[in-house]
Amino acid sequence: MGKILIRIGIDPDLTASGYCALVKQPFGKWKIETLDTLDFFTLLNAIENEMKGAKAPGNDLTVCIEAGWLNKSIHHFAENKAVAGRIGKNVGHNEAVGRLIAEYCEINDINHKLIKPVSSKWNAELFRKITGWEKRTNQEERDAVRAAWV
């Protein structure tokens, strides 16, 4: 019997990070088991709970963190400097949250990957076609799934 693969996808955000748990049975397709937006500490608890559940022999868990800071361009264009500054500040906060999640994984010996966002965003229709998920989603949730989807 093959391994059960578990991927946690995270789109880090200061107030509500996108979070998903994907599961792939041997010879199966990826299936969304959990999809939500979570505050920082609830997200860390969710990772810990997934780790406890994944300890069975043959399971393989990886946390996939969307790491926008790996993209070279850090210029934020907007109508004026104040708006551009606010965008930059928000991006910095999200980066800090992502780095803290990665550090949490390192400290707790959790297999993790930083995922460089390289493609355009998934809208709700494309998300349904790719994943088969029929319930409502927001952009943070879709980005979390995109980070973990292989």
N, C-alpha and C. Protein backbone atom coordinates (compact mmCIF):
# COMPACT_ATOMS: atom_id res chain seq x y z
N MET A 1 0.84 -1.17 0.00
CA MET A 1 0.00 0.00 0.00
C MET A 1 0.89 1.24 0.00
N GLY A 2 0.51 2.27 -0.76
CA GLY A 2 1.32 3.47 -0.88
C GLY A 2 1.08 4.46 0.23
N LYS A 3 1.81 5.56 0.14
CA LYS A 3 1.70 6.61 1.13
C LYS A 3 0.44 7.44 0.94
N ILE A 4 -0.10 7.93 2.05
CA ILE A 4 -1.16 8.93 2.01
C ILE A 4 -0.45 10.28 2.11
N LEU A 5 -0.62 11.11 1.10
CA LEU A 5 0.02 12.42 1.08
C LEU A 5 -0.94 13.46 1.63
N ILE A 6 -0.42 14.32 2.49
CA ILE A 6 -1.20 15.41 3.07
C ILE A 6 -0.44 16.69 2.81
N ARG A 7 -1.09 17.65 2.22
CA ARG A 7 -0.48 18.95 1.98
C ARG A 7 -1.34 20.01 2.65
N ILE A 8 -0.69 20.84 3.44
CA ILE A 8 -1.35 22.01 4.00
C ILE A 8 -0.90 23.20 3.18
N GLY A 9 -1.83 23.95 2.65
CA GLY A 9 -1.51 25.15 1.89
C GLY A 9 -1.87 26.38 2.71
N ILE A 10 -0.98 27.36 2.69
CA ILE A 10 -1.20 28.57 3.46
C ILE A 10 -0.90 29.79 2.61
N ASP A 11 -1.85 30.73 2.60
CA ASP A 11 -1.65 32.05 2.01
C ASP A 11 -1.57 33.01 3.19
N PRO A 12 -0.36 33.38 3.65
CA PRO A 12 -0.22 34.15 4.88
C PRO A 12 -0.83 35.55 4.79
N ASP A 13 -1.48 35.95 5.86
CA ASP A 13 -2.07 37.28 5.96
C ASP A 13 -2.06 37.69 7.42
N LEU A 14 -1.97 38.96 7.69
CA LEU A 14 -1.90 39.44 9.06
C LEU A 14 -3.15 39.10 9.86
N THR A 15 -4.33 39.21 9.24
CA THR A 15 -5.57 39.00 10.00
C THR A 15 -6.27 37.69 9.67
N ALA A 16 -6.26 37.25 8.43
CA ALA A 16 -6.99 36.04 8.05
C ALA A 16 -6.25 35.33 6.93
N SER A 17 -5.43 34.35 7.30
CA SER A 17 -4.66 33.59 6.31
C SER A 17 -5.53 32.52 5.67
N GLY A 18 -5.33 32.33 4.37
CA GLY A 18 -5.99 31.22 3.69
C GLY A 18 -5.35 29.92 4.14
N TYR A 19 -6.17 28.90 4.41
CA TYR A 19 -5.69 27.62 4.91
C TYR A 19 -6.44 26.49 4.23
N CYS A 20 -5.71 25.49 3.79
CA CYS A 20 -6.36 24.29 3.26
C CYS A 20 -5.57 23.06 3.66
N ALA A 21 -6.27 21.95 3.72
CA ALA A 21 -5.63 20.65 3.90
C ALA A 21 -6.08 19.78 2.73
N LEU A 22 -5.11 19.32 1.96
CA LEU A 22 -5.37 18.44 0.82
C LEU A 22 -4.88 17.05 1.16
N VAL A 23 -5.61 16.04 0.69
CA VAL A 23 -5.24 14.66 0.93
C VAL A 23 -5.24 13.92 -0.41
N LYS A 24 -4.24 13.06 -0.57
CA LYS A 24 -4.16 12.23 -1.77
C LYS A 24 -3.90 10.79 -1.35
N GLN A 25 -4.88 9.95 -1.59
CA GLN A 25 -4.74 8.52 -1.32
C GLN A 25 -3.84 7.91 -2.39
N PRO A 26 -3.23 6.75 -2.12
CA PRO A 26 -2.40 6.12 -3.16
C PRO A 26 -3.18 5.96 -4.47
N PHE A 27 -2.58 6.38 -5.55
CA PHE A 27 -3.14 6.30 -6.90
C PHE A 27 -4.39 7.16 -7.08
N GLY A 28 -4.65 8.06 -6.16
CA GLY A 28 -5.84 8.92 -6.25
C GLY A 28 -5.49 10.33 -6.68
N LYS A 29 -6.48 11.19 -6.64
CA LYS A 29 -6.30 12.60 -6.96
C LYS A 29 -6.32 13.40 -5.66
N TRP A 30 -5.82 14.62 -5.74
CA TRP A 30 -5.87 15.50 -4.58
C TRP A 30 -7.32 15.84 -4.27
N LYS A 31 -7.65 15.84 -2.98
CA LYS A 31 -8.99 16.16 -2.52
C LYS A 31 -8.88 17.19 -1.40
N ILE A 32 -9.70 18.24 -1.48
CA ILE A 32 -9.71 19.25 -0.44
C ILE A 32 -10.47 18.70 0.75
N GLU A 33 -9.79 18.61 1.88
CA GLU A 33 -10.41 18.11 3.11
C GLU A 33 -10.86 19.27 3.99
N THR A 34 -10.07 20.35 4.03
CA THR A 34 -10.38 21.53 4.83
C THR A 34 -10.05 22.77 4.02
N LEU A 35 -10.92 23.77 4.09
CA LEU A 35 -10.68 25.04 3.40
C LEU A 35 -11.29 26.15 4.24
N ASP A 36 -10.46 27.12 4.65
CA ASP A 36 -10.94 28.16 5.56
C ASP A 36 -9.98 29.34 5.56
N THR A 37 -10.37 30.41 6.24
CA THR A 37 -9.46 31.50 6.57
C THR A 37 -9.33 31.50 8.09
N LEU A 38 -8.09 31.59 8.56
CA LEU A 38 -7.82 31.45 9.99
C LEU A 38 -6.91 32.57 10.48
N ASP A 39 -7.11 32.96 11.74
CA ASP A 39 -6.16 33.89 12.35
C ASP A 39 -4.87 33.12 12.66
N PHE A 40 -3.82 33.84 12.99
CA PHE A 40 -2.49 33.26 13.13
C PHE A 40 -2.45 32.09 14.12
N PHE A 41 -2.96 32.26 15.32
CA PHE A 41 -2.84 31.22 16.33
C PHE A 41 -3.74 30.02 16.04
N THR A 42 -4.90 30.25 15.47
CA THR A 42 -5.77 29.15 15.07
C THR A 42 -5.10 28.35 13.95
N LEU A 43 -4.41 29.04 13.07
CA LEU A 43 -3.69 28.38 11.98
C LEU A 43 -2.58 27.48 12.54
N LEU A 44 -1.81 27.98 13.51
CA LEU A 44 -0.76 27.15 14.11
C LEU A 44 -1.36 25.92 14.79
N ASN A 45 -2.51 26.09 15.46
CA ASN A 45 -3.19 24.94 16.08
C ASN A 45 -3.64 23.95 15.02
N ALA A 46 -4.12 24.44 13.88
CA ALA A 46 -4.57 23.56 12.80
C ALA A 46 -3.40 22.75 12.25
N ILE A 47 -2.24 23.38 12.08
CA ILE A 47 -1.05 22.65 11.62
C ILE A 47 -0.68 21.57 12.63
N GLU A 48 -0.68 21.92 13.91
CA GLU A 48 -0.35 20.96 14.96
C GLU A 48 -1.32 19.77 14.95
N ASN A 49 -2.61 20.05 14.79
CA ASN A 49 -3.61 18.97 14.74
C ASN A 49 -3.41 18.07 13.52
N GLU A 50 -3.08 18.66 12.38
CA GLU A 50 -2.80 17.85 11.18
C GLU A 50 -1.58 16.97 11.40
N MET A 51 -0.55 17.52 12.08
CA MET A 51 0.65 16.74 12.36
C MET A 51 0.31 15.53 13.24
N LYS A 52 -0.51 15.73 14.24
CA LYS A 52 -0.91 14.61 15.11
C LYS A 52 -1.62 13.54 14.31
N GLY A 53 -2.50 13.95 13.40
CA GLY A 53 -3.25 13.00 12.58
C GLY A 53 -2.40 12.32 11.53
N ALA A 54 -1.30 12.94 11.15
CA ALA A 54 -0.46 12.40 10.07
C ALA A 54 0.65 11.49 10.59
N LYS A 55 0.70 11.24 11.87
CA LYS A 55 1.79 10.45 12.44
C LYS A 55 1.69 8.97 12.13
N ALA A 56 0.57 8.52 11.58
CA ALA A 56 0.43 7.10 11.25
C ALA A 56 1.48 6.71 10.21
N PRO A 57 2.01 5.49 10.30
CA PRO A 57 3.00 5.04 9.32
C PRO A 57 2.44 5.14 7.90
N GLY A 58 3.26 5.59 7.01
CA GLY A 58 2.85 5.69 5.61
C GLY A 58 2.28 7.03 5.23
N ASN A 59 2.06 7.92 6.19
CA ASN A 59 1.56 9.26 5.88
C ASN A 59 2.73 10.21 5.66
N ASP A 60 2.54 11.17 4.78
CA ASP A 60 3.58 12.14 4.47
C ASP A 60 2.94 13.52 4.43
N LEU A 61 3.33 14.40 5.36
CA LEU A 61 2.73 15.73 5.46
C LEU A 61 3.75 16.79 5.07
N THR A 62 3.30 17.76 4.26
CA THR A 62 4.12 18.91 3.89
C THR A 62 3.27 20.16 4.00
N VAL A 63 3.83 21.20 4.63
CA VAL A 63 3.19 22.51 4.70
C VAL A 63 3.75 23.35 3.57
N CYS A 64 2.87 23.88 2.72
CA CYS A 64 3.27 24.70 1.58
C CYS A 64 2.84 26.14 1.84
N ILE A 65 3.81 27.02 1.98
CA ILE A 65 3.54 28.41 2.35
C ILE A 65 3.78 29.30 1.14
N GLU A 66 2.75 30.03 0.72
CA GLU A 66 2.93 30.95 -0.39
C GLU A 66 3.88 32.06 0.05
N ALA A 67 4.96 32.22 -0.67
CA ALA A 67 6.03 33.14 -0.28
C ALA A 67 6.23 34.20 -1.35
N GLY A 68 5.35 35.19 -1.35
CA GLY A 68 5.43 36.26 -2.35
C GLY A 68 6.73 37.02 -2.31
N TRP A 69 7.44 37.00 -1.16
CA TRP A 69 8.70 37.71 -1.05
C TRP A 69 9.79 37.08 -1.90
N LEU A 70 9.57 35.88 -2.43
CA LEU A 70 10.54 35.26 -3.31
C LEU A 70 10.50 35.87 -4.71
N ASN A 71 9.43 36.58 -5.04
CA ASN A 71 9.36 37.28 -6.32
C ASN A 71 10.28 38.49 -6.26
N LYS A 72 10.96 38.79 -7.35
CA LYS A 72 11.93 39.88 -7.36
C LYS A 72 11.29 41.25 -7.25
N SER A 73 10.21 41.47 -7.93
CA SER A 73 9.61 42.79 -7.96
C SER A 73 8.95 43.13 -6.63
N ILE A 74 9.38 44.24 -6.05
CA ILE A 74 8.77 44.69 -4.80
C ILE A 74 8.21 46.10 -4.96
N HIS A 75 8.07 46.55 -6.19
CA HIS A 75 7.55 47.90 -6.43
C HIS A 75 6.03 47.86 -6.41
N HIS A 76 5.44 48.80 -5.72
CA HIS A 76 3.99 48.86 -5.59
C HIS A 76 3.51 50.13 -6.26
N PHE A 77 2.81 49.96 -7.37
CA PHE A 77 2.34 51.10 -8.14
C PHE A 77 0.90 51.42 -7.74
N ALA A 78 0.63 52.68 -7.56
CA ALA A 78 -0.71 53.11 -7.19
C ALA A 78 -0.88 54.56 -7.62
N GLU A 79 -2.10 55.07 -7.40
CA GLU A 79 -2.41 56.44 -7.80
C GLU A 79 -1.53 57.46 -7.09
N ASN A 80 -1.22 57.21 -5.83
CA ASN A 80 -0.39 58.15 -5.09
C ASN A 80 0.53 57.41 -4.12
N LYS A 81 1.44 58.16 -3.52
CA LYS A 81 2.43 57.55 -2.63
C LYS A 81 1.81 56.93 -1.38
N ALA A 82 0.76 57.53 -0.86
CA ALA A 82 0.12 57.01 0.35
C ALA A 82 -0.47 55.62 0.10
N VAL A 83 -1.14 55.46 -1.03
CA VAL A 83 -1.73 54.16 -1.37
C VAL A 83 -0.63 53.13 -1.61
N ALA A 84 0.42 53.54 -2.33
CA ALA A 84 1.55 52.64 -2.59
C ALA A 84 2.21 52.24 -1.28
N GLY A 85 2.34 53.19 -0.35
CA GLY A 85 2.93 52.89 0.95
C GLY A 85 2.11 51.91 1.74
N ARG A 86 0.78 52.07 1.72
CA ARG A 86 -0.11 51.16 2.43
C ARG A 86 -0.02 49.75 1.85
N ILE A 87 0.05 49.66 0.53
CA ILE A 87 0.19 48.35 -0.12
C ILE A 87 1.50 47.69 0.33
N GLY A 88 2.58 48.47 0.31
CA GLY A 88 3.87 47.95 0.74
C GLY A 88 3.87 47.48 2.19
N LYS A 89 3.20 48.25 3.05
CA LYS A 89 3.10 47.89 4.47
C LYS A 89 2.35 46.57 4.63
N ASN A 90 1.23 46.41 3.92
CA ASN A 90 0.45 45.18 4.00
C ASN A 90 1.25 43.98 3.50
N VAL A 91 1.98 44.17 2.41
CA VAL A 91 2.80 43.08 1.88
C VAL A 91 3.86 42.69 2.90
N GLY A 92 4.45 43.68 3.56
CA GLY A 92 5.45 43.40 4.59
C GLY A 92 4.87 42.62 5.76
N HIS A 93 3.66 42.98 6.17
CA HIS A 93 3.01 42.24 7.26
C HIS A 93 2.78 40.78 6.85
N ASN A 94 2.29 40.59 5.64
CA ASN A 94 2.02 39.23 5.17
C ASN A 94 3.31 38.41 5.08
N GLU A 95 4.39 39.06 4.64
CA GLU A 95 5.68 38.38 4.59
C GLU A 95 6.12 37.95 5.98
N ALA A 96 5.96 38.83 6.95
CA ALA A 96 6.35 38.51 8.33
C ALA A 96 5.57 37.31 8.85
N VAL A 97 4.27 37.26 8.58
CA VAL A 97 3.45 36.13 9.01
C VAL A 97 3.93 34.85 8.33
N GLY A 98 4.20 34.91 7.04
CA GLY A 98 4.69 33.73 6.32
C GLY A 98 6.01 33.24 6.87
N ARG A 99 6.91 34.16 7.18
CA ARG A 99 8.21 33.77 7.73
C ARG A 99 8.06 33.16 9.13
N LEU A 100 7.13 33.68 9.92
CA LEU A 100 6.89 33.11 11.25
C LEU A 100 6.32 31.69 11.15
N ILE A 101 5.44 31.46 10.19
CA ILE A 101 4.89 30.12 9.99
C ILE A 101 6.01 29.16 9.58
N ALA A 102 6.89 29.60 8.68
CA ALA A 102 8.02 28.77 8.26
C ALA A 102 8.94 28.49 9.45
N GLU A 103 9.17 29.48 10.29
CA GLU A 103 10.01 29.28 11.47
C GLU A 103 9.36 28.29 12.44
N TYR A 104 8.05 28.40 12.61
CA TYR A 104 7.31 27.45 13.45
C TYR A 104 7.51 26.03 12.93
N CYS A 105 7.43 25.86 11.62
CA CYS A 105 7.62 24.54 11.02
C CYS A 105 9.04 24.04 11.28
N GLU A 106 10.03 24.90 11.12
CA GLU A 106 11.42 24.50 11.35
C GLU A 106 11.63 24.08 12.80
N ILE A 107 11.15 24.88 13.74
CA ILE A 107 11.33 24.60 15.17
C ILE A 107 10.67 23.27 15.55
N ASN A 108 9.52 22.97 14.93
CA ASN A 108 8.77 21.76 15.26
C ASN A 108 9.05 20.60 14.32
N ASP A 109 10.10 20.74 13.50
CA ASP A 109 10.54 19.68 12.58
C ASP A 109 9.40 19.22 11.66
N ILE A 110 8.70 20.20 11.11
CA ILE A 110 7.60 19.93 10.17
C ILE A 110 8.11 20.18 8.76
N ASN A 111 7.96 19.19 7.90
CA ASN A 111 8.37 19.34 6.51
C ASN A 111 7.58 20.49 5.88
N HIS A 112 8.27 21.44 5.27
CA HIS A 112 7.58 22.58 4.66
C HIS A 112 8.34 23.08 3.44
N LYS A 113 7.60 23.79 2.60
CA LYS A 113 8.16 24.38 1.37
C LYS A 113 7.66 25.81 1.26
N LEU A 114 8.54 26.68 0.79
CA LEU A 114 8.13 28.03 0.42
C LEU A 114 7.79 28.00 -1.06
N ILE A 115 6.58 28.40 -1.39
CA ILE A 115 6.10 28.34 -2.77
C ILE A 115 6.08 29.74 -3.36
N LYS A 116 6.85 29.93 -4.41
CA LYS A 116 6.89 31.21 -5.10
C LYS A 116 5.66 31.31 -6.00
N PRO A 117 4.81 32.33 -5.78
CA PRO A 117 3.64 32.47 -6.66
C PRO A 117 4.11 32.87 -8.06
N VAL A 118 3.81 32.04 -9.04
CA VAL A 118 4.31 32.31 -10.39
C VAL A 118 3.20 32.47 -11.43
N SER A 119 1.99 32.11 -11.07
CA SER A 119 0.93 32.20 -12.07
C SER A 119 -0.11 33.21 -11.61
N SER A 120 -1.01 33.52 -12.51
CA SER A 120 -2.08 34.46 -12.17
C SER A 120 -3.04 33.82 -11.17
N LYS A 121 -3.83 34.65 -10.53
CA LYS A 121 -4.79 34.18 -9.52
C LYS A 121 -5.84 33.27 -10.16
N TRP A 122 -6.36 32.35 -9.36
CA TRP A 122 -7.49 31.51 -9.78
C TRP A 122 -8.77 32.22 -9.40
N ASN A 123 -9.65 32.45 -10.37
CA ASN A 123 -10.97 32.98 -10.01
C ASN A 123 -11.85 31.79 -9.59
N ALA A 124 -13.05 32.10 -9.10
CA ALA A 124 -13.93 31.05 -8.55
C ALA A 124 -14.26 29.98 -9.59
N GLU A 125 -14.50 30.39 -10.83
CA GLU A 125 -14.87 29.43 -11.87
C GLU A 125 -13.70 28.49 -12.21
N LEU A 126 -12.51 29.03 -12.39
CA LEU A 126 -11.35 28.21 -12.68
C LEU A 126 -11.04 27.28 -11.50
N PHE A 127 -11.19 27.80 -10.29
CA PHE A 127 -10.96 27.00 -9.07
C PHE A 127 -11.87 25.78 -9.07
N ARG A 128 -13.16 25.97 -9.39
CA ARG A 128 -14.11 24.84 -9.42
C ARG A 128 -13.71 23.81 -10.46
N LYS A 129 -13.28 24.28 -11.63
CA LYS A 129 -12.89 23.36 -12.71
C LYS A 129 -11.67 22.53 -12.31
N ILE A 130 -10.70 23.15 -11.67
CA ILE A 130 -9.47 22.46 -11.32
C ILE A 130 -9.67 21.51 -10.15
N THR A 131 -10.37 21.98 -9.11
CA THR A 131 -10.45 21.22 -7.86
C THR A 131 -11.73 20.41 -7.69
N GLY A 132 -12.81 20.81 -8.36
CA GLY A 132 -14.10 20.16 -8.16
C GLY A 132 -14.83 20.67 -6.92
N TRP A 133 -14.27 21.63 -6.21
CA TRP A 133 -14.87 22.19 -4.99
C TRP A 133 -16.02 23.09 -5.39
N GLU A 134 -17.21 22.83 -4.88
CA GLU A 134 -18.42 23.57 -5.28
C GLU A 134 -18.83 24.67 -4.31
N LYS A 135 -18.31 24.65 -3.09
CA LYS A 135 -18.71 25.66 -2.11
C LYS A 135 -18.03 27.00 -2.41
N ARG A 136 -18.55 28.06 -1.78
CA ARG A 136 -17.98 29.39 -1.96
C ARG A 136 -16.55 29.44 -1.43
N THR A 137 -15.74 30.26 -2.07
CA THR A 137 -14.36 30.46 -1.63
C THR A 137 -14.02 31.94 -1.74
N ASN A 138 -12.99 32.36 -1.02
CA ASN A 138 -12.46 33.70 -1.21
C ASN A 138 -11.05 33.57 -1.79
N GLN A 139 -10.44 34.70 -2.14
CA GLN A 139 -9.14 34.65 -2.81
C GLN A 139 -8.05 34.05 -1.91
N GLU A 140 -8.10 34.31 -0.62
CA GLU A 140 -7.10 33.75 0.28
C GLU A 140 -7.18 32.22 0.31
N GLU A 141 -8.38 31.69 0.33
CA GLU A 141 -8.56 30.23 0.33
C GLU A 141 -8.07 29.63 -0.99
N ARG A 142 -8.43 30.27 -2.09
CA ARG A 142 -7.99 29.76 -3.40
C ARG A 142 -6.47 29.81 -3.52
N ASP A 143 -5.85 30.87 -2.99
CA ASP A 143 -4.39 30.97 -3.04
C ASP A 143 -3.74 29.90 -2.17
N ALA A 144 -4.35 29.56 -1.05
CA ALA A 144 -3.82 28.49 -0.19
C ALA A 144 -3.84 27.15 -0.93
N VAL A 145 -4.94 26.88 -1.61
CA VAL A 145 -5.04 25.63 -2.37
C VAL A 145 -4.02 25.63 -3.50
N ARG A 146 -3.90 26.75 -4.17
CA ARG A 146 -2.95 26.85 -5.29
C ARG A 146 -1.52 26.58 -4.83
N ALA A 147 -1.18 27.04 -3.61
CA ALA A 147 0.16 26.80 -3.08
C ALA A 147 0.43 25.31 -2.85
N ALA A 148 -0.60 24.57 -2.46
CA ALA A 148 -0.43 23.16 -2.13
C ALA A 148 -0.73 22.21 -3.29
N TRP A 149 -1.44 22.68 -4.29
CA TRP A 149 -1.91 21.82 -5.38
C TRP A 149 -0.74 21.39 -6.26
N VAL A 150 -0.62 20.11 -6.51
CA VAL A 150 0.47 19.60 -7.36
C VAL A 150 -0.11 18.75 -8.46
